[in-house]
Amino acid sequence: MKPIAFANALTAVSVITYLVCALLVYIAPGFVFSITQSWFHGWNLEVVKAATPAPLTSVVLGAISFGVFIWVLSYFLGRLYLYWAKK
């Protein structure tokens, strides 16, 4: 396994998922909220429910920062895997 290729692949999938989720929030916010509520059963998420979707600049900044975070995390995960796989 090559850590950079692994980081690139995981980052691409993660950012695409992030953007699809953001698009769904714009198109069907009630549906997304229902799904989220079902994942966090027992928690009342009504108090944190947004009245309007995030502005586009926020979504772009989130996608970039999320992508950087995932890339760094997955790169080091790949490096650690290779290090420990040799032992």
N, C-alpha and C. Protein backbone atom coordinates (compact mmCIF):
# COMPACT_ATOMS: atom_id res chain seq x y z
N MET A 1 0.85 -1.18 0.00
CA MET A 1 0.00 0.00 0.00
C MET A 1 0.89 1.24 0.00
N LYS A 2 0.50 2.22 -0.79
CA LYS A 2 1.21 3.49 -0.84
C LYS A 2 0.40 4.51 -0.04
N PRO A 3 0.99 5.09 1.02
CA PRO A 3 0.25 6.01 1.88
C PRO A 3 -0.35 7.22 1.14
N ILE A 4 0.36 7.75 0.16
CA ILE A 4 -0.17 8.91 -0.55
C ILE A 4 -1.38 8.52 -1.40
N ALA A 5 -1.31 7.39 -2.07
CA ALA A 5 -2.45 6.92 -2.87
C ALA A 5 -3.64 6.63 -1.97
N PHE A 6 -3.38 6.01 -0.81
CA PHE A 6 -4.45 5.73 0.14
C PHE A 6 -5.09 7.03 0.63
N ALA A 7 -4.26 8.01 0.98
CA ALA A 7 -4.76 9.30 1.46
C ALA A 7 -5.56 10.01 0.37
N ASN A 8 -5.08 9.97 -0.86
CA ASN A 8 -5.81 10.60 -1.96
C ASN A 8 -7.18 9.96 -2.17
N ALA A 9 -7.21 8.63 -2.16
CA ALA A 9 -8.47 7.92 -2.38
C ALA A 9 -9.47 8.18 -1.26
N LEU A 10 -9.03 8.07 -0.03
CA LEU A 10 -9.93 8.29 1.10
C LEU A 10 -10.42 9.74 1.14
N THR A 11 -9.54 10.67 0.81
CA THR A 11 -9.93 12.09 0.79
C THR A 11 -10.96 12.34 -0.31
N ALA A 12 -10.76 11.78 -1.48
CA ALA A 12 -11.70 11.98 -2.58
C ALA A 12 -13.08 11.46 -2.20
N VAL A 13 -13.14 10.26 -1.66
CA VAL A 13 -14.43 9.67 -1.26
C VAL A 13 -15.07 10.51 -0.15
N SER A 14 -14.28 10.95 0.81
CA SER A 14 -14.81 11.72 1.94
C SER A 14 -15.35 13.08 1.50
N VAL A 15 -14.62 13.78 0.65
CA VAL A 15 -15.06 15.11 0.20
C VAL A 15 -16.29 14.99 -0.70
N ILE A 16 -16.33 13.98 -1.55
CA ILE A 16 -17.53 13.77 -2.38
C ILE A 16 -18.73 13.48 -1.49
N THR A 17 -18.56 12.66 -0.48
CA THR A 17 -19.65 12.36 0.47
C THR A 17 -20.08 13.63 1.18
N TYR A 18 -19.14 14.44 1.61
CA TYR A 18 -19.42 15.72 2.28
C TYR A 18 -20.26 16.62 1.37
N LEU A 19 -19.86 16.74 0.11
CA LEU A 19 -20.57 17.62 -0.83
C LEU A 19 -21.96 17.09 -1.18
N VAL A 20 -22.09 15.77 -1.31
CA VAL A 20 -23.42 15.18 -1.56
C VAL A 20 -24.34 15.45 -0.37
N CYS A 21 -23.80 15.29 0.83
CA CYS A 21 -24.58 15.56 2.03
C CYS A 21 -25.01 17.04 2.07
N ALA A 22 -24.08 17.94 1.77
CA ALA A 22 -24.40 19.37 1.76
C ALA A 22 -25.48 19.68 0.72
N LEU A 23 -25.39 19.05 -0.45
CA LEU A 23 -26.40 19.24 -1.49
C LEU A 23 -27.77 18.74 -1.02
N LEU A 24 -27.78 17.58 -0.36
CA LEU A 24 -29.04 17.05 0.16
C LEU A 24 -29.65 17.97 1.21
N VAL A 25 -28.82 18.62 2.01
CA VAL A 25 -29.33 19.56 3.01
C VAL A 25 -30.04 20.73 2.32
N TYR A 26 -29.52 21.16 1.17
CA TYR A 26 -30.15 22.24 0.42
C TYR A 26 -31.45 21.77 -0.24
N ILE A 27 -31.42 20.56 -0.80
CA ILE A 27 -32.57 20.05 -1.55
C ILE A 27 -33.67 19.52 -0.64
N ALA A 28 -33.29 18.74 0.36
CA ALA A 28 -34.28 18.07 1.22
C ALA A 28 -33.85 18.14 2.69
N PRO A 29 -33.89 19.32 3.28
CA PRO A 29 -33.41 19.45 4.66
C PRO A 29 -34.20 18.61 5.66
N GLY A 30 -35.50 18.48 5.48
CA GLY A 30 -36.31 17.67 6.39
C GLY A 30 -35.91 16.21 6.35
N PHE A 31 -35.65 15.69 5.15
CA PHE A 31 -35.23 14.31 4.98
C PHE A 31 -33.90 14.05 5.68
N VAL A 32 -32.93 14.95 5.45
CA VAL A 32 -31.61 14.81 6.06
C VAL A 32 -31.73 14.87 7.58
N PHE A 33 -32.57 15.78 8.08
CA PHE A 33 -32.74 15.89 9.52
C PHE A 33 -33.35 14.61 10.08
N SER A 34 -34.31 14.03 9.38
CA SER A 34 -34.93 12.79 9.83
C SER A 34 -33.91 11.65 9.89
N ILE A 35 -33.08 11.56 8.88
CA ILE A 35 -32.03 10.53 8.86
C ILE A 35 -31.07 10.74 10.03
N THR A 36 -30.63 11.98 10.21
CA THR A 36 -29.70 12.28 11.30
C THR A 36 -30.33 11.96 12.65
N GLN A 37 -31.58 12.33 12.81
CA GLN A 37 -32.28 12.04 14.07
C GLN A 37 -32.35 10.54 14.32
N SER A 38 -32.54 9.75 13.25
CA SER A 38 -32.62 8.30 13.43
C SER A 38 -31.26 7.70 13.82
N TRP A 39 -30.17 8.32 13.38
CA TRP A 39 -28.84 7.83 13.75
C TRP A 39 -28.51 8.14 15.21
N PHE A 40 -29.04 9.24 15.71
CA PHE A 40 -28.78 9.66 17.09
C PHE A 40 -30.02 9.47 17.94
N HIS A 41 -30.60 8.28 17.87
CA HIS A 41 -31.81 7.97 18.62
C HIS A 41 -31.58 8.25 20.10
N GLY A 42 -32.58 8.80 20.70
CA GLY A 42 -32.47 9.14 22.12
C GLY A 42 -32.00 10.56 22.36
N TRP A 43 -31.48 11.22 21.35
CA TRP A 43 -31.03 12.61 21.49
C TRP A 43 -32.06 13.51 20.81
N ASN A 44 -32.39 14.60 21.42
CA ASN A 44 -33.29 15.57 20.81
C ASN A 44 -32.46 16.57 20.01
N LEU A 45 -32.48 16.43 18.71
CA LEU A 45 -31.69 17.32 17.85
C LEU A 45 -32.46 18.56 17.41
N GLU A 46 -33.70 18.69 17.82
CA GLU A 46 -34.50 19.86 17.44
C GLU A 46 -33.83 21.16 17.88
N VAL A 47 -33.13 21.14 19.01
CA VAL A 47 -32.51 22.36 19.53
C VAL A 47 -31.33 22.82 18.68
N VAL A 48 -30.76 21.94 17.88
CA VAL A 48 -29.63 22.32 17.03
C VAL A 48 -30.01 22.38 15.54
N LYS A 49 -31.28 22.20 15.24
CA LYS A 49 -31.74 22.20 13.86
C LYS A 49 -31.60 23.61 13.28
N ALA A 50 -30.92 23.71 12.14
CA ALA A 50 -30.71 25.01 11.50
C ALA A 50 -31.98 25.48 10.81
N ALA A 51 -32.22 26.78 10.90
CA ALA A 51 -33.40 27.35 10.24
C ALA A 51 -33.17 27.46 8.73
N THR A 52 -31.93 27.69 8.34
CA THR A 52 -31.57 27.79 6.93
C THR A 52 -30.28 27.01 6.70
N PRO A 53 -30.07 26.53 5.48
CA PRO A 53 -28.81 25.83 5.19
C PRO A 53 -27.61 26.78 5.30
N ALA A 54 -26.46 26.21 5.48
CA ALA A 54 -25.22 26.99 5.57
C ALA A 54 -24.98 27.72 4.25
N PRO A 55 -24.38 28.90 4.31
CA PRO A 55 -24.04 29.61 3.06
C PRO A 55 -23.00 28.82 2.26
N LEU A 56 -22.99 29.05 0.96
CA LEU A 56 -22.09 28.32 0.07
C LEU A 56 -20.62 28.48 0.49
N THR A 57 -20.23 29.67 0.94
CA THR A 57 -18.84 29.88 1.36
C THR A 57 -18.49 28.97 2.54
N SER A 58 -19.43 28.75 3.41
CA SER A 58 -19.22 27.87 4.56
C SER A 58 -19.06 26.42 4.10
N VAL A 59 -19.85 26.02 3.14
CA VAL A 59 -19.77 24.65 2.62
C VAL A 59 -18.42 24.44 1.94
N VAL A 60 -17.97 25.41 1.16
CA VAL A 60 -16.68 25.29 0.47
C VAL A 60 -15.53 25.24 1.48
N LEU A 61 -15.56 26.14 2.46
CA LEU A 61 -14.51 26.13 3.48
C LEU A 61 -14.54 24.81 4.25
N GLY A 62 -15.73 24.32 4.57
CA GLY A 62 -15.85 23.03 5.26
C GLY A 62 -15.29 21.89 4.43
N ALA A 63 -15.58 21.88 3.14
CA ALA A 63 -15.08 20.81 2.26
C ALA A 63 -13.56 20.84 2.19
N ILE A 64 -12.98 22.04 2.09
CA ILE A 64 -11.53 22.15 2.00
C ILE A 64 -10.87 21.72 3.31
N SER A 65 -11.36 22.25 4.42
CA SER A 65 -10.74 21.91 5.70
C SER A 65 -10.95 20.43 6.05
N PHE A 66 -12.12 19.90 5.72
CA PHE A 66 -12.40 18.48 5.94
C PHE A 66 -11.47 17.63 5.09
N GLY A 67 -11.28 18.03 3.84
CA GLY A 67 -10.38 17.29 2.94
C GLY A 67 -8.95 17.28 3.44
N VAL A 68 -8.46 18.43 3.90
CA VAL A 68 -7.10 18.49 4.43
C VAL A 68 -6.96 17.60 5.66
N PHE A 69 -7.94 17.69 6.56
CA PHE A 69 -7.92 16.87 7.77
C PHE A 69 -7.90 15.38 7.44
N ILE A 70 -8.78 14.96 6.54
CA ILE A 70 -8.86 13.54 6.17
C ILE A 70 -7.59 13.08 5.48
N TRP A 71 -7.01 13.94 4.62
CA TRP A 71 -5.79 13.55 3.92
C TRP A 71 -4.65 13.31 4.91
N VAL A 72 -4.45 14.25 5.82
CA VAL A 72 -3.37 14.11 6.81
C VAL A 72 -3.60 12.88 7.68
N LEU A 73 -4.82 12.72 8.15
CA LEU A 73 -5.16 11.58 8.99
C LEU A 73 -4.92 10.26 8.25
N SER A 74 -5.40 10.15 7.03
CA SER A 74 -5.28 8.89 6.30
C SER A 74 -3.84 8.63 5.84
N TYR A 75 -3.07 9.69 5.57
CA TYR A 75 -1.66 9.51 5.22
C TYR A 75 -0.91 8.88 6.39
N PHE A 76 -1.10 9.45 7.59
CA PHE A 76 -0.41 8.90 8.75
C PHE A 76 -0.94 7.52 9.13
N LEU A 77 -2.20 7.27 8.89
CA LEU A 77 -2.74 5.93 9.10
C LEU A 77 -2.03 4.94 8.18
N GLY A 78 -1.85 5.31 6.91
CA GLY A 78 -1.14 4.45 5.97
C GLY A 78 0.30 4.22 6.37
N ARG A 79 0.97 5.28 6.82
CA ARG A 79 2.37 5.14 7.26
C ARG A 79 2.46 4.23 8.49
N LEU A 80 1.56 4.41 9.45
CA LEU A 80 1.58 3.56 10.64
C LEU A 80 1.29 2.11 10.28
N TYR A 81 0.35 1.91 9.37
CA TYR A 81 0.03 0.55 8.93
C TYR A 81 1.29 -0.12 8.35
N LEU A 82 1.99 0.58 7.47
CA LEU A 82 3.19 0.01 6.88
C LEU A 82 4.27 -0.26 7.93
N TYR A 83 4.40 0.64 8.87
CA TYR A 83 5.40 0.48 9.93
C TYR A 83 5.09 -0.76 10.77
N TRP A 84 3.82 -0.88 11.18
CA TRP A 84 3.46 -2.00 12.03
C TRP A 84 3.33 -3.31 11.26
N ALA A 85 3.06 -3.25 9.97
CA ALA A 85 2.96 -4.46 9.16
C ALA A 85 4.32 -5.12 8.99
N LYS A 86 5.39 -4.34 9.10
CA LYS A 86 6.75 -4.88 8.94
C LYS A 86 7.21 -5.64 10.18
N LYS A 87 6.56 -5.38 11.31
CA LYS A 87 6.99 -6.03 12.56
C LYS A 87 6.37 -7.39 12.72
